[in-house]
Amino acid sequence: MGKLERLQAELFHPNIKVRKRAVEKLGAVGEHGAKPLITALRDEDPEIRRVSAITLGKIGVPDSAPALIRMLGDSELEVQRAAAWALKRIGVPAIEYLISALHNYDPNVRAVSAYILGEIGNKWALDPLIYVLGDQVETVRIHAALALGKLKQYYAIEFLLDALSDSSPKVREAIAKAIRNIGEGAIDQLEEKLKDENWLSRVDAATILGRLENPHAVNLLIGALGDAHKSVRQEAAEGLGMLGSRQAVPALVRALRDRAHEVRAIAALSLGRIGDPRALPALFERAQDPHFEVRSYTALALGKIDHPTSDDKLIEMLNDTSADVRAQAVFSLGERSVTQALPALIRSLDDDSPQVRGYAANALGQIGDPQAIRGLISMLLEGDEIFADLAQSALIKIGRPAMPALERHRLTQNRKLRERIENMIAEIDSMYSPGGQKKRSGRLPSLAEAFRKVTGRLPRLEDVQRTVS
């Protein structure tokens, strides 16, 4: 019996040490040892499978790739990692097998195959990885996006931009990272695209630039604020806000007087995100803009800029003729917990707009002043379940000062309301230590869901962004 045949036989020896020694010796044989080692990948012991995978990677025979790909779905993580390492070591000759594995029934195999293709970095994987951006499994989409970023092929950007609408924040984060990786090497191409005759190409360029952490991108986007097409100017304004550069403030202030209300609105939004008080005088002017959407986004922006005069202007905006503007002003005042707005916010509980009333209840809970109790109790008792949820959350946040008012209604004949009030009292009691100190703020778990049901909710700053934060 020759040496190779003897080592093959030892792979089936009952003693694991003998089998492991055989694997190591087969590695020294070279290419001729690959076939027995592929058999050893099926060993019942994970350590034998792991060492066999590593040894195959060192030998680097492309024919072992299909068997190694199967090991990406192994029950043991260390075996999976060894197989992935081996496939990366084999490199380009394994690409065709890895591309096929992107359609494997096992999502783990698909995800790791995408990862390895990114590590190998061959452009032949470009289209298959783009296709996998639509996979049903989150991890697969994440690894496909990250792999595309490592390939750094400009061609992939438009597909990554389309995928930014993914429902998963983790996928969107991976996509944004990929776009940054590709774009950093494509600044010159993006600059040329901003000069393209087709306005859609210029919009795409501005969109990508807004997602690059590159100082040159700021300058290019400032220039794009003067584009002939409003969609390009709007995308440039949004991108400058996402980049957060104070250098862009003067240009965005000028954009607040753009002829298109969409551009003025997004310029206000971006100035809010940057948060520079230098923008306040111009934003105060936009508080009287003819278009309600600009005034709404101005209210949002003022809520993001920490300055006392912002609070005064927001209180004024509670009298705006547009319910959307009043709602956004209420929301911003609540986010900033502006106590001087308390009387106006309490009056907002009776606003004609359900959107304003919902935001007002939430704002009053954030401020936590007992003066709001009476109005919130009225909202709690009025019978609408959505607003009762919002009032409940606010009253719990106010805490113990709300207890006497709740106790007065504890014996109501309405069973559902009675149970709600009893739960509120128990929740408030749980917020305090035996010594009477407040331990934590109350929070109704269903508040977010209830808030989404309030009709006509304005988009907040994070809702209009298309990146991952």
Protein backbone atom coordinates (compact mmCIF):
# COMPACT_ATOMS: atom_id res chain seq x y z
CA MET A 1 0.00 0.00 0.00
CA GLY A 2 1.41 3.36 -1.05
CA LYS A 3 1.71 6.40 1.22
CA LEU A 4 -1.34 8.17 -0.26
CA GLU A 5 -3.54 5.07 0.04
CA ARG A 6 -2.40 4.57 3.65
CA LEU A 7 -3.26 8.17 4.56
CA GLN A 8 -6.66 7.82 2.89
CA ALA A 9 -7.36 4.76 4.99
CA GLU A 10 -6.30 6.57 8.17
CA LEU A 11 -8.99 9.21 7.51
CA PHE A 12 -11.50 6.56 8.62
CA HIS A 13 -9.59 5.46 11.72
CA PRO A 14 -11.69 5.49 14.93
CA ASN A 15 -9.01 7.52 16.75
CA ILE A 16 -9.43 11.25 16.05
CA LYS A 17 -5.72 11.91 16.59
CA VAL A 18 -4.87 9.47 13.82
CA ARG A 19 -7.36 11.10 11.47
CA LYS A 20 -6.06 14.57 12.27
CA ARG A 21 -2.44 13.49 11.67
CA ALA A 22 -3.51 12.00 8.35
CA VAL A 23 -5.09 15.31 7.32
CA GLU A 24 -1.88 17.18 8.14
CA LYS A 25 0.25 14.71 6.19
CA LEU A 26 -2.11 14.89 3.20
CA GLY A 27 -1.52 18.61 3.15
CA ALA A 28 2.19 17.94 2.67
CA VAL A 29 1.40 15.70 -0.32
CA GLY A 30 0.06 18.72 -2.22
CA GLU A 31 -2.50 18.56 -5.02
CA HIS A 32 -2.69 14.77 -4.90
CA GLY A 33 -3.91 15.01 -1.29
CA ALA A 34 -6.85 17.26 -2.17
CA LYS A 35 -9.32 14.54 -3.12
CA PRO A 36 -9.01 12.61 0.18
CA LEU A 37 -9.20 15.88 2.09
CA ILE A 38 -12.49 16.75 0.36
CA THR A 39 -13.78 13.43 1.73
CA ALA A 40 -12.54 14.42 5.20
CA LEU A 41 -14.76 17.51 5.09
CA ARG A 42 -17.63 15.12 5.88
CA ASP A 43 -16.01 13.80 9.06
CA GLU A 44 -18.33 13.68 12.08
CA ASP A 45 -15.80 15.59 14.18
CA PRO A 46 -15.83 19.39 13.60
CA GLU A 47 -12.11 19.69 14.34
CA ILE A 48 -11.29 17.30 11.49
CA ARG A 49 -13.58 19.26 9.18
CA ARG A 50 -11.96 22.52 10.25
CA VAL A 51 -8.38 21.34 9.75
CA SER A 52 -9.30 19.73 6.41
CA ALA A 53 -10.78 23.01 5.16
CA ILE A 54 -7.67 24.97 6.17
CA THR A 55 -5.40 22.40 4.55
CA LEU A 56 -7.38 22.55 1.30
CA GLY A 57 -7.02 26.33 1.36
CA LYS A 58 -3.26 26.01 1.68
CA ILE A 59 -3.12 23.56 -1.22
CA GLY A 60 -5.34 25.90 -3.27
CA VAL A 61 -6.89 23.39 -5.68
CA PRO A 62 -9.93 25.01 -7.41
CA ASP A 63 -11.76 21.65 -7.59
CA SER A 64 -12.16 21.75 -3.79
CA ALA A 65 -14.24 24.94 -3.97
CA PRO A 66 -17.70 23.28 -4.29
CA ALA A 67 -17.07 21.11 -1.22
CA LEU A 68 -15.74 24.09 0.75
CA ILE A 69 -18.79 26.14 -0.21
CA ARG A 70 -21.01 23.43 1.28
CA MET A 71 -19.03 23.85 4.51
CA LEU A 72 -20.13 27.49 4.71
CA GLY A 73 -23.42 26.06 5.96
CA ASP A 74 -21.73 23.81 8.55
CA SER A 75 -23.32 23.63 12.00
CA GLU A 76 -20.04 24.75 13.61
CA LEU A 77 -18.96 28.38 13.27
CA GLU A 78 -15.24 27.55 13.34
CA VAL A 79 -15.70 25.17 10.41
CA GLN A 80 -17.57 27.89 8.49
CA ARG A 81 -14.73 30.33 9.14
CA ALA A 82 -12.11 27.82 8.02
CA ALA A 83 -14.01 27.15 4.79
CA ALA A 84 -14.35 30.89 4.13
CA TRP A 85 -10.62 31.39 4.72
CA ALA A 86 -9.82 28.52 2.35
CA LEU A 87 -12.03 29.91 -0.40
CA LYS A 88 -10.43 33.35 -0.08
CA ARG A 89 -7.03 31.64 -0.27
CA ILE A 90 -8.02 29.84 -3.47
CA GLY A 91 -9.12 33.22 -4.82
CA VAL A 92 -10.08 33.90 -8.44
CA PRO A 93 -10.39 30.22 -9.48
CA ALA A 94 -13.18 29.87 -6.88
CA ILE A 95 -15.22 32.79 -8.21
CA GLU A 96 -17.50 30.82 -10.56
CA TYR A 97 -18.40 28.44 -7.72
CA LEU A 98 -19.02 31.33 -5.30
CA ILE A 99 -21.25 33.10 -7.82
CA SER A 100 -23.31 29.91 -8.14
CA ALA A 101 -23.47 29.74 -4.34
CA LEU A 102 -25.23 33.12 -4.27
CA HIS A 103 -28.35 31.10 -5.21
CA ASN A 104 -27.83 28.36 -2.60
CA TYR A 105 -30.91 27.39 -0.55
CA ASP A 106 -28.96 28.12 2.68
CA PRO A 107 -28.94 31.89 3.43
CA ASN A 108 -25.72 31.56 5.40
CA VAL A 109 -23.98 30.10 2.35
CA ARG A 110 -25.32 32.95 0.21
CA ALA A 111 -24.21 35.60 2.73
CA VAL A 112 -20.68 34.26 3.24
CA SER A 113 -20.24 33.68 -0.49
CA ALA A 114 -21.08 37.35 -1.08
CA TYR A 115 -18.57 38.32 1.61
CA ILE A 116 -15.80 36.20 0.05
CA LEU A 117 -16.49 37.60 -3.41
CA GLY A 118 -15.95 41.07 -1.97
CA GLU A 119 -12.71 39.93 -0.36
CA ILE A 120 -11.41 38.42 -3.60
CA GLY A 121 -12.35 41.65 -5.37
CA ASN A 122 -12.88 40.46 -8.93
CA LYS A 123 -15.25 42.54 -11.09
CA TRP A 124 -16.83 39.39 -12.59
CA ALA A 125 -18.84 39.19 -9.37
CA LEU A 126 -20.36 42.64 -9.93
CA ASP A 127 -23.67 41.74 -11.62
CA PRO A 128 -24.33 38.65 -9.46
CA LEU A 129 -23.81 40.71 -6.29
CA ILE A 130 -26.13 43.44 -7.59
CA TYR A 131 -28.78 40.78 -8.14
CA VAL A 132 -28.39 39.55 -4.55
CA LEU A 133 -29.19 43.04 -3.24
CA GLY A 134 -32.79 41.88 -3.66
CA ASP A 135 -32.39 38.69 -1.57
CA GLN A 136 -35.14 37.98 0.95
CA VAL A 137 -32.68 37.56 3.84
CA GLU A 138 -31.24 40.66 5.55
CA THR A 139 -27.74 39.24 6.14
CA VAL A 140 -27.37 38.30 2.50
CA ARG A 141 -28.28 41.81 1.37
CA ILE A 142 -25.85 43.32 3.91
CA HIS A 143 -22.92 41.23 2.69
CA ALA A 144 -23.81 41.83 -0.96
CA ALA A 145 -23.78 45.60 -0.40
CA LEU A 146 -20.50 45.54 1.52
CA ALA A 147 -18.93 43.34 -1.16
CA LEU A 148 -19.98 45.78 -3.89
CA GLY A 149 -18.31 48.54 -1.90
CA LYS A 150 -15.07 46.55 -1.84
CA LEU A 151 -15.21 45.98 -5.61
CA LYS A 152 -15.25 49.80 -6.04
CA GLN A 153 -16.90 49.68 -9.46
CA TYR A 154 -18.72 52.93 -10.30
CA TYR A 155 -21.27 50.94 -12.30
CA ALA A 156 -22.75 49.57 -9.03
CA ILE A 157 -23.67 52.95 -7.56
CA GLU A 158 -27.00 53.44 -9.32
CA PHE A 159 -28.14 49.99 -8.13
CA LEU A 160 -27.01 50.73 -4.59
CA LEU A 161 -28.93 54.01 -4.67
CA ASP A 162 -32.07 52.15 -5.75
CA ALA A 163 -31.56 49.73 -2.85
CA LEU A 164 -31.41 52.58 -0.31
CA SER A 165 -35.18 52.18 0.10
CA ASP A 166 -34.57 48.82 1.83
CA SER A 167 -36.76 48.31 4.90
CA SER A 168 -33.80 47.23 7.06
CA PRO A 169 -31.70 49.96 8.74
CA LYS A 170 -28.71 47.58 8.81
CA VAL A 171 -28.95 47.01 5.07
CA ARG A 172 -29.24 50.76 4.43
CA GLU A 173 -26.16 51.32 6.59
CA ALA A 174 -24.20 48.75 4.57
CA ILE A 175 -25.38 50.33 1.31
CA ALA A 176 -24.32 53.80 2.44
CA LYS A 177 -20.90 52.45 3.40
CA ALA A 178 -20.57 50.82 -0.01
CA ILE A 179 -21.51 54.05 -1.78
CA ARG A 180 -18.89 55.93 0.24
CA ASN A 181 -16.24 53.34 -0.60
CA ILE A 182 -16.96 53.55 -4.32
CA GLY A 183 -17.51 57.29 -4.44
CA GLU A 184 -14.24 58.17 -2.73
CA GLY A 185 -12.49 56.88 -5.81
CA ALA A 186 -14.96 58.48 -8.20
CA ILE A 187 -14.99 62.18 -7.22
CA ASP A 188 -13.68 63.22 -10.63
CA GLN A 189 -16.37 61.18 -12.41
CA LEU A 190 -19.05 62.68 -10.17
CA GLU A 191 -17.80 66.17 -10.94
CA GLU A 192 -18.18 65.40 -14.64
CA LYS A 193 -21.67 63.99 -14.08
CA LEU A 194 -22.71 67.30 -12.49
CA LYS A 195 -22.07 68.86 -15.91
CA ASP A 196 -24.09 66.26 -17.82
CA GLU A 197 -26.83 67.54 -20.13
CA ASN A 198 -29.25 65.04 -18.65
CA TRP A 199 -30.62 66.49 -15.40
CA LEU A 200 -31.27 62.97 -14.04
CA SER A 201 -27.56 62.23 -14.26
CA ARG A 202 -26.86 65.43 -12.35
CA VAL A 203 -29.38 64.41 -9.68
CA ASP A 204 -27.65 61.03 -9.32
CA ALA A 205 -24.27 62.72 -8.93
CA ALA A 206 -25.59 65.11 -6.25
CA THR A 207 -27.22 62.19 -4.41
CA ILE A 208 -23.97 60.25 -4.28
CA LEU A 209 -21.90 63.28 -3.27
CA GLY A 210 -24.20 63.84 -0.32
CA ARG A 211 -23.17 60.47 1.02
CA LEU A 212 -19.42 60.95 0.77
CA GLU A 213 -17.31 62.10 3.68
CA ASN A 214 -15.13 64.17 1.41
CA PRO A 215 -14.42 67.93 1.67
CA HIS A 216 -14.43 68.25 -2.13
CA ALA A 217 -18.01 66.90 -2.16
CA VAL A 218 -19.12 69.94 -0.14
CA ASN A 219 -17.71 72.35 -2.71
CA LEU A 220 -19.29 70.45 -5.60
CA LEU A 221 -22.71 70.44 -3.91
CA ILE A 222 -22.49 74.16 -3.13
CA GLY A 223 -21.91 74.69 -6.84
CA ALA A 224 -24.87 72.43 -7.68
CA LEU A 225 -27.20 74.74 -5.69
CA GLY A 226 -27.03 76.97 -8.78
CA ASP A 227 -28.14 74.23 -11.21
CA ALA A 228 -30.89 75.05 -13.70
CA HIS A 229 -33.08 72.13 -12.59
CA LYS A 230 -34.84 72.32 -9.23
CA SER A 231 -34.41 68.59 -8.53
CA VAL A 232 -30.64 68.93 -8.73
CA ARG A 233 -30.72 71.97 -6.43
CA GLN A 234 -32.97 70.11 -4.00
CA GLU A 235 -30.68 67.07 -3.93
CA ALA A 236 -27.65 69.31 -3.44
CA ALA A 237 -29.32 71.07 -0.52
CA GLU A 238 -30.20 67.77 1.10
CA GLY A 239 -26.71 66.40 0.56
CA LEU A 240 -25.11 69.42 2.24
CA GLY A 241 -27.30 68.86 5.28
CA MET A 242 -26.33 65.20 5.41
CA LEU A 243 -22.65 66.12 5.23
CA GLY A 244 -23.22 68.56 8.10
CA SER A 245 -20.55 71.03 7.02
CA ARG A 246 -20.75 74.53 8.50
CA GLN A 247 -18.97 75.68 5.37
CA ALA A 248 -22.27 75.17 3.52
CA VAL A 249 -24.33 77.51 5.76
CA PRO A 250 -24.01 80.72 3.64
CA ALA A 251 -24.91 78.84 0.46
CA LEU A 252 -27.90 77.14 2.11
CA VAL A 253 -29.07 80.50 3.49
CA ARG A 254 -29.08 81.81 -0.09
CA ALA A 255 -31.00 78.70 -1.14
CA LEU A 256 -33.77 79.69 1.31
CA ARG A 257 -34.79 82.24 -1.35
CA ASP A 258 -34.79 79.76 -4.22
CA ARG A 259 -37.69 80.17 -6.66
CA ALA A 260 -38.78 76.54 -6.02
CA HIS A 261 -40.49 75.95 -2.70
CA GLU A 262 -39.13 72.37 -2.60
CA VAL A 263 -35.57 73.71 -2.59
CA ARG A 264 -36.37 76.29 0.09
CA ALA A 265 -37.91 73.58 2.27
CA ILE A 266 -34.94 71.22 2.00
CA ALA A 267 -32.48 74.07 2.52
CA ALA A 268 -34.26 74.87 5.79
CA LEU A 269 -34.16 71.19 6.75
CA SER A 270 -30.42 71.02 6.08
CA LEU A 271 -29.69 74.17 8.05
CA GLY A 272 -31.52 72.60 10.97
CA ARG A 273 -29.39 69.52 10.74
CA ILE A 274 -26.17 71.54 10.65
CA GLY A 275 -27.45 73.50 13.66
CA ASP A 276 -25.52 76.74 13.10
CA PRO A 277 -27.17 79.79 14.77
CA ARG A 278 -25.95 81.99 11.89
CA ALA A 279 -28.88 80.65 9.90
CA LEU A 280 -31.53 81.88 12.36
CA PRO A 281 -32.32 85.32 10.83
CA ALA A 282 -32.90 83.75 7.42
CA LEU A 283 -34.98 80.94 8.92
CA PHE A 284 -37.11 83.50 10.79
CA GLU A 285 -37.93 85.04 7.40
CA ARG A 286 -38.97 81.61 6.07
CA ALA A 287 -41.40 81.29 8.98
CA GLN A 288 -43.59 83.62 6.86
CA ASP A 289 -42.91 81.82 3.57
CA PRO A 290 -45.96 81.70 1.24
CA HIS A 291 -45.76 77.91 1.05
CA PHE A 292 -46.82 75.85 4.09
CA GLU A 293 -44.23 73.14 3.41
CA VAL A 294 -41.37 75.63 3.71
CA ARG A 295 -42.83 76.95 6.96
CA SER A 296 -43.19 73.38 8.26
CA TYR A 297 -39.59 72.50 7.55
CA THR A 298 -38.51 75.81 9.02
CA ALA A 299 -40.27 74.84 12.27
CA LEU A 300 -38.42 71.54 12.20
CA ALA A 301 -35.10 73.33 11.62
CA LEU A 302 -35.69 75.83 14.42
CA GLY A 303 -36.25 72.92 16.79
CA LYS A 304 -32.79 71.63 15.93
CA ILE A 305 -30.91 74.91 16.53
CA ASP A 306 -30.33 75.46 20.23
CA HIS A 307 -31.02 79.15 20.76
CA PRO A 308 -33.61 81.03 22.88
CA THR A 309 -34.87 83.04 19.91
CA SER A 310 -35.75 79.77 18.17
CA ASP A 311 -38.20 79.02 20.99
CA ASP A 312 -39.89 82.40 20.66
CA LYS A 313 -40.36 81.97 16.93
CA LEU A 314 -41.74 78.44 17.37
CA ILE A 315 -44.32 79.70 19.86
CA GLU A 316 -45.39 82.30 17.30
CA MET A 317 -45.75 79.56 14.70
CA LEU A 318 -48.36 77.81 16.84
CA ASN A 319 -50.78 80.39 15.37
CA ASP A 320 -50.00 79.49 11.75
CA THR A 321 -52.98 78.92 9.46
CA SER A 322 -51.59 75.52 8.39
CA ALA A 323 -52.16 72.54 10.66
CA ASP A 324 -48.93 70.99 9.35
CA VAL A 325 -46.93 74.02 10.45
CA ARG A 326 -48.59 74.14 13.87
CA ALA A 327 -47.96 70.42 14.33
CA GLN A 328 -44.28 70.72 13.48
CA ALA A 329 -43.90 73.73 15.79
CA VAL A 330 -45.54 71.77 18.61
CA PHE A 331 -43.31 68.80 17.95
CA SER A 332 -40.15 70.94 17.97
CA LEU A 333 -41.14 72.66 21.21
CA GLY A 334 -41.73 69.29 22.82
CA GLU A 335 -38.37 67.96 21.62
CA ARG A 336 -36.71 70.97 23.23
CA SER A 337 -38.94 70.83 26.35
CA VAL A 338 -39.63 74.57 26.14
CA THR A 339 -41.43 75.38 29.40
CA GLN A 340 -42.36 78.92 28.34
CA ALA A 341 -44.50 77.35 25.61
CA LEU A 342 -46.63 75.51 28.20
CA PRO A 343 -49.80 77.67 27.99
CA ALA A 344 -49.77 77.59 24.20
CA LEU A 345 -49.18 73.84 24.14
CA ILE A 346 -52.06 73.25 26.54
CA ARG A 347 -54.32 75.26 24.22
CA SER A 348 -53.08 73.08 21.35
CA LEU A 349 -54.78 70.09 22.99
CA ASP A 350 -58.03 71.59 21.66
CA ASP A 351 -56.71 72.28 18.16
CA ASP A 352 -58.97 71.36 15.24
CA SER A 353 -56.21 69.18 13.80
CA PRO A 354 -55.75 65.69 15.28
CA GLN A 355 -52.10 65.92 14.22
CA VAL A 356 -51.55 69.03 16.35
CA ARG A 357 -53.40 67.55 19.31
CA GLY A 358 -51.34 64.36 19.16
CA TYR A 359 -48.05 66.23 19.07
CA ALA A 360 -49.23 68.53 21.87
CA ALA A 361 -49.96 65.61 24.19
CA ASN A 362 -46.54 64.16 23.52
CA ALA A 363 -44.83 67.55 24.00
CA LEU A 364 -46.57 68.12 27.32
CA GLY A 365 -45.45 64.72 28.53
CA GLN A 366 -41.86 65.55 27.61
CA ILE A 367 -42.03 68.86 29.49
CA GLY A 368 -43.68 67.10 32.45
CA ASP A 369 -45.34 70.15 34.04
CA PRO A 370 -48.40 69.46 36.26
CA GLN A 371 -50.24 72.43 34.70
CA ALA A 372 -50.97 70.16 31.72
CA ILE A 373 -52.79 67.54 33.80
CA ARG A 374 -56.31 68.94 33.39
CA GLY A 375 -56.14 69.10 29.61
CA LEU A 376 -54.54 65.65 29.36
CA ILE A 377 -57.22 64.15 31.62
CA SER A 378 -59.87 65.59 29.29
CA MET A 379 -58.13 63.95 26.32
CA LEU A 380 -57.94 60.67 28.27
CA LEU A 381 -61.69 60.71 28.97
CA GLU A 382 -62.94 61.77 25.56
CA GLY A 383 -63.14 58.20 24.27
CA ASP A 384 -60.76 58.15 21.31
CA GLU A 385 -58.35 55.29 21.98
CA ILE A 386 -55.43 56.73 20.04
CA PHE A 387 -55.52 60.03 21.92
CA ALA A 388 -56.16 58.20 25.18
CA ASP A 389 -52.87 56.33 24.61
CA LEU A 390 -51.05 59.61 24.01
CA ALA A 391 -52.61 61.27 27.06
CA GLN A 392 -51.81 58.20 29.13
CA SER A 393 -48.15 58.30 28.19
CA ALA A 394 -47.93 62.04 28.96
CA LEU A 395 -49.65 61.70 32.35
CA ILE A 396 -47.38 58.82 33.34
CA LYS A 397 -44.36 60.96 32.47
CA ILE A 398 -45.69 63.77 34.66
CA GLY A 399 -45.88 61.16 37.39
CA ARG A 400 -47.13 61.51 40.94
CA PRO A 401 -48.66 65.01 40.53
CA ALA A 402 -51.19 63.38 38.17
CA MET A 403 -52.33 60.86 40.80
CA PRO A 404 -55.14 62.92 42.47
CA ALA A 405 -56.80 63.59 39.11
CA LEU A 406 -56.55 59.92 38.17
CA GLU A 407 -57.92 58.80 41.53
CA ARG A 408 -61.02 60.95 40.99
CA HIS A 409 -61.86 58.93 37.89
CA ARG A 410 -60.78 55.53 39.19
CA LEU A 411 -64.35 54.36 39.92
CA THR A 412 -65.76 55.25 36.52
CA GLN A 413 -68.49 52.94 35.19
CA ASN A 414 -66.56 52.51 31.96
CA ARG A 415 -64.73 49.21 32.55
CA LYS A 416 -62.09 49.77 29.85
CA LEU A 417 -61.31 53.27 31.11
CA ARG A 418 -61.24 52.03 34.71
CA GLU A 419 -58.68 49.35 33.83
CA ARG A 420 -56.58 51.90 31.95
CA ILE A 421 -56.53 54.29 34.92
CA GLU A 422 -55.67 51.50 37.36
CA ASN A 423 -52.78 50.47 35.14
CA MET A 424 -51.60 54.07 34.97
CA ILE A 425 -51.67 54.43 38.75
CA ALA A 426 -49.71 51.20 39.13
CA GLU A 427 -47.19 52.37 36.52
CA ILE A 428 -46.70 55.72 38.26
CA ASP A 429 -46.29 53.99 41.65
CA SER A 430 -43.59 51.75 40.17
CA MET A 431 -41.65 54.85 39.07
CA TYR A 432 -40.90 55.90 42.64
CA SER A 433 -38.63 54.41 45.28
CA PRO A 434 -39.96 53.85 48.84
CA GLY A 435 -38.41 57.18 49.80
CA GLY A 436 -40.50 59.01 47.19
CA GLN A 437 -37.71 59.60 44.69
CA LYS A 438 -38.58 59.21 41.02
CA LYS A 439 -36.67 56.28 39.54
CA ARG A 440 -37.44 56.63 35.86
CA SER A 441 -39.77 58.22 33.39
CA GLY A 442 -42.91 56.34 32.48
CA ARG A 443 -43.20 55.18 28.91
CA LEU A 444 -46.18 53.53 27.33
CA PRO A 445 -44.89 50.76 25.03
CA SER A 446 -47.67 51.34 22.49
CA LEU A 447 -46.99 55.09 22.20
CA ALA A 448 -45.00 54.85 18.99
CA GLU A 449 -47.67 52.75 17.33
CA ALA A 450 -50.41 55.08 18.54
CA PHE A 451 -48.49 58.10 17.30
CA ARG A 452 -48.18 56.62 13.84
CA LYS A 453 -51.96 56.42 13.68
CA VAL A 454 -52.41 60.15 14.20
CA THR A 455 -53.44 61.29 10.75
CA GLY A 456 -51.27 63.46 8.59
CA ARG A 457 -48.03 63.15 10.57
CA LEU A 458 -45.30 65.40 9.16
CA PRO A 459 -42.06 63.76 8.12
CA ARG A 460 -39.34 64.38 10.68
CA LEU A 461 -35.74 65.04 9.80
CA GLU A 462 -34.76 61.36 9.91
CA ASP A 463 -37.76 60.37 7.76
CA VAL A 464 -36.63 62.41 4.77
CA GLN A 465 -33.09 61.07 4.83
CA ARG A 466 -32.35 58.16 2.58
CA THR A 467 -29.22 56.98 4.33
CA VAL A 468 -28.35 54.83 7.27
CA SER A 469 -27.56 56.44 10.30
